[in-house]
Amino acid sequence: MTYPENYRYTKEHEWVSVEGDTGTVGITFHAQSELGDIVYVDLPKVGSVVETGQSFGSVESVKAVSDIYSPVSGEVVEINTLLADGPEKLNEDPHGAAWLVKIKLADPAQVSTLLDAAAYQAYIAG
C-alpha cells in the first residue's frame, strides 16, 4: 500500500490532509486492515471542538472498538455522513471517500509536527 505523500500521519494511525485552514481527517489503510471488517463509526457532532491527541470518536469492527484520536486541534465543520449507512467504506477507501471529519484548524502549524508518508510507512514496518 502506498500512502498519499501530501497527507500527514499519527502514530495512532490517523491521517490529515490540509486545504487552506481545514484539515480532513481519516484512519489509515494500516488501521483498517488491523481492525478487520468495520461495522460502525461514531463521529462527533458538527461544532464540536477537538484537541490534538484526544479521542473524538470510535470505529467498531468485528474484532474490537478503537478510539479515533484527533491529529489536530480545532472545530469540526463537517462529518462524512456516508459512513452512517456504509461504515464498511472505511475498509474499501480509507484514504479517499471514507474520510471521517473536516476540522477548521486552530493552529495550522500543528500539521508540521506529524509524520510524513515515508516516516509513517517506516513506523508501521517496525
N, C-alpha and C. Protein backbone atom coordinates (compact mmCIF):
# COMPACT_ATOMS: atom_id res chain seq x y z
N MET A 1 0.85 -1.19 0.00
CA MET A 1 0.00 0.00 0.00
C MET A 1 0.88 1.24 0.00
N THR A 2 0.59 2.17 -0.88
CA THR A 2 1.29 3.45 -0.83
C THR A 2 0.40 4.46 -0.13
N TYR A 3 1.02 5.31 0.64
CA TYR A 3 0.30 6.32 1.42
C TYR A 3 0.45 7.67 0.73
N PRO A 4 -0.64 8.43 0.60
CA PRO A 4 -0.57 9.72 -0.08
C PRO A 4 0.53 10.61 0.51
N GLU A 5 1.38 11.13 -0.37
CA GLU A 5 2.52 11.94 0.05
C GLU A 5 2.10 13.27 0.66
N ASN A 6 0.94 13.81 0.26
CA ASN A 6 0.52 15.12 0.75
C ASN A 6 -0.25 15.04 2.07
N TYR A 7 -0.42 13.85 2.63
CA TYR A 7 -1.08 13.68 3.92
C TYR A 7 -0.01 13.68 5.01
N ARG A 8 -0.43 13.92 6.25
CA ARG A 8 0.41 13.76 7.43
C ARG A 8 -0.25 12.71 8.31
N TYR A 9 0.56 11.98 9.08
CA TYR A 9 0.09 10.80 9.79
C TYR A 9 0.47 10.84 11.26
N THR A 10 -0.32 10.13 12.08
CA THR A 10 -0.02 9.99 13.51
C THR A 10 0.41 8.55 13.79
N LYS A 11 1.06 8.35 14.92
CA LYS A 11 1.44 7.00 15.34
C LYS A 11 0.23 6.21 15.82
N GLU A 12 -0.93 6.89 15.96
CA GLU A 12 -2.18 6.21 16.32
C GLU A 12 -2.97 5.82 15.06
N HIS A 13 -2.36 6.06 13.88
CA HIS A 13 -2.90 5.62 12.58
C HIS A 13 -4.05 6.45 12.04
N GLU A 14 -4.00 7.76 12.31
CA GLU A 14 -4.91 8.70 11.65
C GLU A 14 -4.10 9.49 10.63
N TRP A 15 -4.81 10.06 9.66
CA TRP A 15 -4.17 10.95 8.70
C TRP A 15 -4.93 12.27 8.64
N VAL A 16 -4.25 13.31 8.17
CA VAL A 16 -4.88 14.60 7.93
C VAL A 16 -4.35 15.16 6.62
N SER A 17 -5.26 15.70 5.84
CA SER A 17 -4.95 16.37 4.58
C SER A 17 -5.46 17.80 4.72
N VAL A 18 -4.59 18.78 4.48
CA VAL A 18 -4.95 20.18 4.73
C VAL A 18 -5.18 20.94 3.42
N GLU A 19 -6.29 21.65 3.39
CA GLU A 19 -6.58 22.61 2.32
C GLU A 19 -6.98 23.91 2.99
N GLY A 20 -6.18 24.95 2.79
CA GLY A 20 -6.46 26.23 3.45
C GLY A 20 -6.38 26.07 4.96
N ASP A 21 -7.46 26.42 5.67
CA ASP A 21 -7.47 26.30 7.13
C ASP A 21 -8.31 25.10 7.59
N THR A 22 -8.55 24.15 6.68
CA THR A 22 -9.37 22.99 7.02
C THR A 22 -8.57 21.70 6.83
N GLY A 23 -8.64 20.84 7.83
CA GLY A 23 -8.00 19.54 7.76
C GLY A 23 -9.04 18.44 7.64
N THR A 24 -8.87 17.58 6.64
CA THR A 24 -9.72 16.40 6.51
C THR A 24 -9.01 15.27 7.21
N VAL A 25 -9.72 14.55 8.09
CA VAL A 25 -9.12 13.51 8.93
C VAL A 25 -9.74 12.15 8.61
N GLY A 26 -8.89 11.13 8.62
CA GLY A 26 -9.36 9.76 8.43
C GLY A 26 -8.44 8.79 9.14
N ILE A 27 -8.74 7.50 8.98
CA ILE A 27 -7.83 6.48 9.51
C ILE A 27 -7.07 5.88 8.33
N THR A 28 -5.89 5.35 8.62
CA THR A 28 -5.02 4.85 7.56
C THR A 28 -5.44 3.45 7.08
N PHE A 29 -4.91 3.10 5.93
CA PHE A 29 -5.11 1.77 5.39
C PHE A 29 -4.64 0.72 6.40
N HIS A 30 -3.50 0.99 7.04
CA HIS A 30 -2.97 0.06 8.05
C HIS A 30 -3.97 -0.13 9.19
N ALA A 31 -4.57 0.97 9.65
CA ALA A 31 -5.54 0.88 10.76
C ALA A 31 -6.73 0.02 10.38
N GLN A 32 -7.31 0.26 9.21
CA GLN A 32 -8.49 -0.51 8.82
C GLN A 32 -8.15 -1.97 8.60
N SER A 33 -6.93 -2.27 8.11
CA SER A 33 -6.57 -3.67 7.89
C SER A 33 -6.36 -4.40 9.22
N GLU A 34 -5.86 -3.68 10.23
CA GLU A 34 -5.70 -4.27 11.56
C GLU A 34 -7.06 -4.50 12.23
N LEU A 35 -8.01 -3.60 11.99
CA LEU A 35 -9.33 -3.72 12.61
C LEU A 35 -10.17 -4.84 12.00
N GLY A 36 -10.02 -5.06 10.71
CA GLY A 36 -10.88 -6.03 10.04
C GLY A 36 -12.16 -5.35 9.58
N ASP A 37 -13.22 -6.13 9.41
CA ASP A 37 -14.47 -5.60 8.86
C ASP A 37 -15.11 -4.58 9.80
N ILE A 38 -15.21 -3.34 9.33
CA ILE A 38 -15.76 -2.25 10.14
C ILE A 38 -17.29 -2.25 10.01
N VAL A 39 -17.96 -2.21 11.18
CA VAL A 39 -19.42 -2.31 11.20
C VAL A 39 -20.12 -1.05 11.73
N TYR A 40 -19.37 -0.14 12.37
CA TYR A 40 -19.99 1.06 12.92
C TYR A 40 -18.93 2.13 13.12
N VAL A 41 -19.30 3.39 12.88
CA VAL A 41 -18.42 4.52 13.10
C VAL A 41 -19.17 5.55 13.94
N ASP A 42 -18.56 5.98 15.04
CA ASP A 42 -19.15 7.00 15.91
C ASP A 42 -18.34 8.28 15.73
N LEU A 43 -18.97 9.34 15.22
CA LEU A 43 -18.29 10.59 14.94
C LEU A 43 -18.87 11.71 15.78
N PRO A 44 -18.08 12.78 16.01
CA PRO A 44 -18.59 13.92 16.80
C PRO A 44 -19.61 14.72 16.00
N LYS A 45 -20.32 15.59 16.69
CA LYS A 45 -21.28 16.47 16.03
C LYS A 45 -20.55 17.67 15.43
N VAL A 46 -21.10 18.20 14.34
CA VAL A 46 -20.58 19.43 13.77
C VAL A 46 -20.64 20.51 14.85
N GLY A 47 -19.57 21.28 14.98
CA GLY A 47 -19.49 22.30 16.02
C GLY A 47 -18.69 21.86 17.23
N SER A 48 -18.42 20.55 17.35
CA SER A 48 -17.60 20.04 18.45
C SER A 48 -16.18 20.57 18.33
N VAL A 49 -15.56 20.84 19.46
CA VAL A 49 -14.16 21.25 19.47
C VAL A 49 -13.33 20.03 19.85
N VAL A 50 -12.29 19.77 19.04
CA VAL A 50 -11.41 18.63 19.29
C VAL A 50 -10.00 19.13 19.58
N GLU A 51 -9.27 18.34 20.34
CA GLU A 51 -7.90 18.69 20.72
C GLU A 51 -6.94 17.63 20.21
N THR A 52 -5.76 18.06 19.81
CA THR A 52 -4.72 17.14 19.34
C THR A 52 -4.51 16.02 20.36
N GLY A 53 -4.54 14.78 19.88
CA GLY A 53 -4.27 13.63 20.73
C GLY A 53 -5.45 13.14 21.54
N GLN A 54 -6.58 13.85 21.50
CA GLN A 54 -7.75 13.45 22.26
C GLN A 54 -8.70 12.64 21.38
N SER A 55 -9.39 11.70 21.97
CA SER A 55 -10.36 10.88 21.24
C SER A 55 -11.57 11.73 20.86
N PHE A 56 -12.01 11.60 19.59
CA PHE A 56 -13.21 12.31 19.17
C PHE A 56 -14.28 11.38 18.64
N GLY A 57 -14.02 10.09 18.65
CA GLY A 57 -14.99 9.13 18.15
C GLY A 57 -14.41 7.74 18.22
N SER A 58 -15.11 6.79 17.57
CA SER A 58 -14.61 5.42 17.58
C SER A 58 -15.04 4.69 16.31
N VAL A 59 -14.30 3.63 16.05
CA VAL A 59 -14.58 2.75 14.93
C VAL A 59 -14.78 1.36 15.53
N GLU A 60 -15.90 0.73 15.18
CA GLU A 60 -16.20 -0.60 15.70
C GLU A 60 -16.07 -1.61 14.56
N SER A 61 -15.30 -2.66 14.82
CA SER A 61 -15.15 -3.73 13.84
C SER A 61 -15.64 -5.02 14.46
N VAL A 62 -15.59 -6.09 13.68
CA VAL A 62 -15.98 -7.39 14.22
C VAL A 62 -15.00 -7.84 15.30
N LYS A 63 -13.80 -7.26 15.33
CA LYS A 63 -12.77 -7.63 16.31
C LYS A 63 -12.80 -6.79 17.57
N ALA A 64 -13.01 -5.45 17.42
CA ALA A 64 -12.81 -4.56 18.56
C ALA A 64 -13.43 -3.19 18.29
N VAL A 65 -13.47 -2.37 19.35
CA VAL A 65 -13.81 -0.96 19.21
C VAL A 65 -12.54 -0.18 19.46
N SER A 66 -12.21 0.73 18.55
CA SER A 66 -10.99 1.53 18.67
C SER A 66 -11.33 3.01 18.65
N ASP A 67 -10.69 3.75 19.56
CA ASP A 67 -10.86 5.20 19.58
C ASP A 67 -10.18 5.81 18.36
N ILE A 68 -10.70 6.95 17.94
CA ILE A 68 -10.09 7.76 16.90
C ILE A 68 -9.56 9.01 17.59
N TYR A 69 -8.28 9.32 17.37
CA TYR A 69 -7.63 10.45 18.02
C TYR A 69 -7.39 11.57 17.00
N SER A 70 -7.68 12.78 17.41
CA SER A 70 -7.53 13.90 16.50
C SER A 70 -6.05 14.24 16.30
N PRO A 71 -5.61 14.33 15.04
CA PRO A 71 -4.22 14.72 14.78
C PRO A 71 -3.99 16.22 14.94
N VAL A 72 -5.09 17.00 15.00
CA VAL A 72 -5.01 18.46 15.09
C VAL A 72 -6.12 18.98 16.01
N SER A 73 -5.95 20.21 16.46
CA SER A 73 -6.98 20.87 17.28
C SER A 73 -7.82 21.78 16.39
N GLY A 74 -9.10 21.90 16.76
CA GLY A 74 -9.97 22.82 16.03
C GLY A 74 -11.43 22.45 16.19
N GLU A 75 -12.25 23.01 15.31
CA GLU A 75 -13.70 22.80 15.35
C GLU A 75 -14.13 21.91 14.20
N VAL A 76 -14.95 20.91 14.52
CA VAL A 76 -15.50 20.03 13.49
C VAL A 76 -16.49 20.83 12.65
N VAL A 77 -16.22 20.92 11.34
CA VAL A 77 -17.11 21.69 10.46
C VAL A 77 -17.92 20.79 9.53
N GLU A 78 -17.54 19.51 9.44
CA GLU A 78 -18.29 18.58 8.60
C GLU A 78 -17.95 17.15 9.03
N ILE A 79 -18.97 16.27 8.95
CA ILE A 79 -18.72 14.85 9.16
C ILE A 79 -19.12 14.11 7.88
N ASN A 80 -18.51 12.95 7.69
CA ASN A 80 -18.80 12.16 6.49
C ASN A 80 -20.05 11.32 6.75
N THR A 81 -21.19 11.80 6.27
CA THR A 81 -22.46 11.13 6.51
C THR A 81 -22.57 9.81 5.75
N LEU A 82 -21.74 9.59 4.74
CA LEU A 82 -21.74 8.31 4.03
C LEU A 82 -21.47 7.13 4.96
N LEU A 83 -20.68 7.39 6.01
CA LEU A 83 -20.27 6.30 6.90
C LEU A 83 -21.39 5.82 7.82
N ALA A 84 -22.42 6.64 8.03
CA ALA A 84 -23.54 6.22 8.88
C ALA A 84 -24.24 5.01 8.29
N ASP A 85 -24.45 5.02 6.99
CA ASP A 85 -25.12 3.90 6.32
C ASP A 85 -24.15 2.89 5.73
N GLY A 86 -22.87 3.28 5.60
CA GLY A 86 -21.90 2.39 4.97
C GLY A 86 -20.55 2.41 5.64
N PRO A 87 -20.47 2.00 6.93
CA PRO A 87 -19.18 2.04 7.62
C PRO A 87 -18.11 1.18 6.96
N GLU A 88 -18.55 0.17 6.18
CA GLU A 88 -17.59 -0.71 5.50
C GLU A 88 -16.77 0.05 4.45
N LYS A 89 -17.20 1.26 4.09
CA LYS A 89 -16.42 2.07 3.15
C LYS A 89 -15.03 2.36 3.70
N LEU A 90 -14.89 2.36 5.04
CA LEU A 90 -13.57 2.54 5.64
C LEU A 90 -12.62 1.42 5.24
N ASN A 91 -13.13 0.23 5.02
CA ASN A 91 -12.28 -0.87 4.56
C ASN A 91 -11.94 -0.72 3.08
N GLU A 92 -12.84 -0.09 2.33
CA GLU A 92 -12.68 -0.02 0.88
C GLU A 92 -11.81 1.16 0.43
N ASP A 93 -11.95 2.32 1.08
CA ASP A 93 -11.27 3.53 0.60
C ASP A 93 -10.91 4.44 1.77
N PRO A 94 -10.03 3.97 2.69
CA PRO A 94 -9.75 4.75 3.89
C PRO A 94 -9.03 6.08 3.64
N HIS A 95 -8.32 6.20 2.52
CA HIS A 95 -7.59 7.44 2.24
C HIS A 95 -8.35 8.35 1.28
N GLY A 96 -9.59 7.98 0.93
CA GLY A 96 -10.34 8.77 -0.04
C GLY A 96 -11.75 9.06 0.43
N ALA A 97 -12.72 8.35 -0.16
CA ALA A 97 -14.14 8.62 0.09
C ALA A 97 -14.54 8.39 1.55
N ALA A 98 -13.78 7.61 2.30
CA ALA A 98 -14.15 7.28 3.68
C ALA A 98 -13.44 8.15 4.72
N TRP A 99 -13.19 9.42 4.37
CA TRP A 99 -12.68 10.35 5.39
C TRP A 99 -13.72 10.43 6.52
N LEU A 100 -13.28 10.89 7.68
CA LEU A 100 -14.17 10.91 8.85
C LEU A 100 -14.78 12.29 9.11
N VAL A 101 -13.91 13.27 9.35
CA VAL A 101 -14.37 14.62 9.69
C VAL A 101 -13.49 15.67 9.01
N LYS A 102 -14.05 16.87 8.91
CA LYS A 102 -13.27 18.03 8.48
C LYS A 102 -13.23 18.99 9.66
N ILE A 103 -12.02 19.49 9.94
CA ILE A 103 -11.79 20.31 11.12
C ILE A 103 -11.20 21.66 10.68
N LYS A 104 -11.81 22.74 11.17
CA LYS A 104 -11.23 24.08 10.97
C LYS A 104 -10.06 24.16 11.95
N LEU A 105 -8.86 24.27 11.42
CA LEU A 105 -7.65 24.19 12.23
C LEU A 105 -7.49 25.38 13.16
N ALA A 106 -7.25 25.09 14.45
CA ALA A 106 -6.97 26.14 15.42
C ALA A 106 -5.55 26.67 15.20
N ASP A 107 -4.62 25.78 14.81
CA ASP A 107 -3.22 26.15 14.60
C ASP A 107 -2.65 25.31 13.46
N PRO A 108 -2.66 25.83 12.24
CA PRO A 108 -2.17 25.05 11.09
C PRO A 108 -0.74 24.54 11.26
N ALA A 109 0.06 25.18 12.09
CA ALA A 109 1.45 24.75 12.30
C ALA A 109 1.53 23.38 12.95
N GLN A 110 0.45 22.94 13.63
CA GLN A 110 0.45 21.61 14.27
C GLN A 110 0.72 20.50 13.26
N VAL A 111 0.27 20.71 12.03
CA VAL A 111 0.40 19.67 10.99
C VAL A 111 1.87 19.32 10.75
N SER A 112 2.74 20.30 10.87
CA SER A 112 4.17 20.07 10.58
C SER A 112 4.83 19.14 11.60
N THR A 113 4.18 18.91 12.74
CA THR A 113 4.75 18.02 13.75
C THR A 113 4.41 16.55 13.49
N LEU A 114 3.53 16.30 12.52
CA LEU A 114 3.09 14.93 12.23
C LEU A 114 4.04 14.24 11.26
N LEU A 115 3.92 12.92 11.16
CA LEU A 115 4.78 12.13 10.28
C LEU A 115 4.42 12.34 8.82
N ASP A 116 5.45 12.39 7.96
CA ASP A 116 5.16 12.38 6.53
C ASP A 116 4.96 10.92 6.09
N ALA A 117 4.62 10.72 4.84
CA ALA A 117 4.27 9.37 4.36
C ALA A 117 5.42 8.38 4.56
N ALA A 118 6.64 8.79 4.24
CA ALA A 118 7.80 7.89 4.37
C ALA A 118 8.04 7.51 5.83
N ALA A 119 7.94 8.50 6.72
CA ALA A 119 8.15 8.22 8.15
C ALA A 119 7.06 7.31 8.69
N TYR A 120 5.81 7.52 8.27
CA TYR A 120 4.72 6.66 8.72
C TYR A 120 4.92 5.23 8.24
N GLN A 121 5.28 5.07 6.98
CA GLN A 121 5.49 3.72 6.45
C GLN A 121 6.64 3.02 7.17
N ALA A 122 7.69 3.76 7.51
CA ALA A 122 8.80 3.18 8.28
C ALA A 122 8.32 2.78 9.67
N TYR A 123 7.46 3.62 10.26
CA TYR A 123 6.92 3.33 11.60
C TYR A 123 6.10 2.04 11.60
N ILE A 124 5.21 1.87 10.63
CA ILE A 124 4.36 0.66 10.64
C ILE A 124 5.12 -0.58 10.21
N ALA A 125 6.25 -0.38 9.51
CA ALA A 125 7.07 -1.53 9.11
C ALA A 125 7.82 -2.08 10.33
N GLY A 126 7.95 -1.23 11.38
CA GLY A 126 8.55 -1.63 12.63
C GLY A 126 10.02 -1.81 12.51
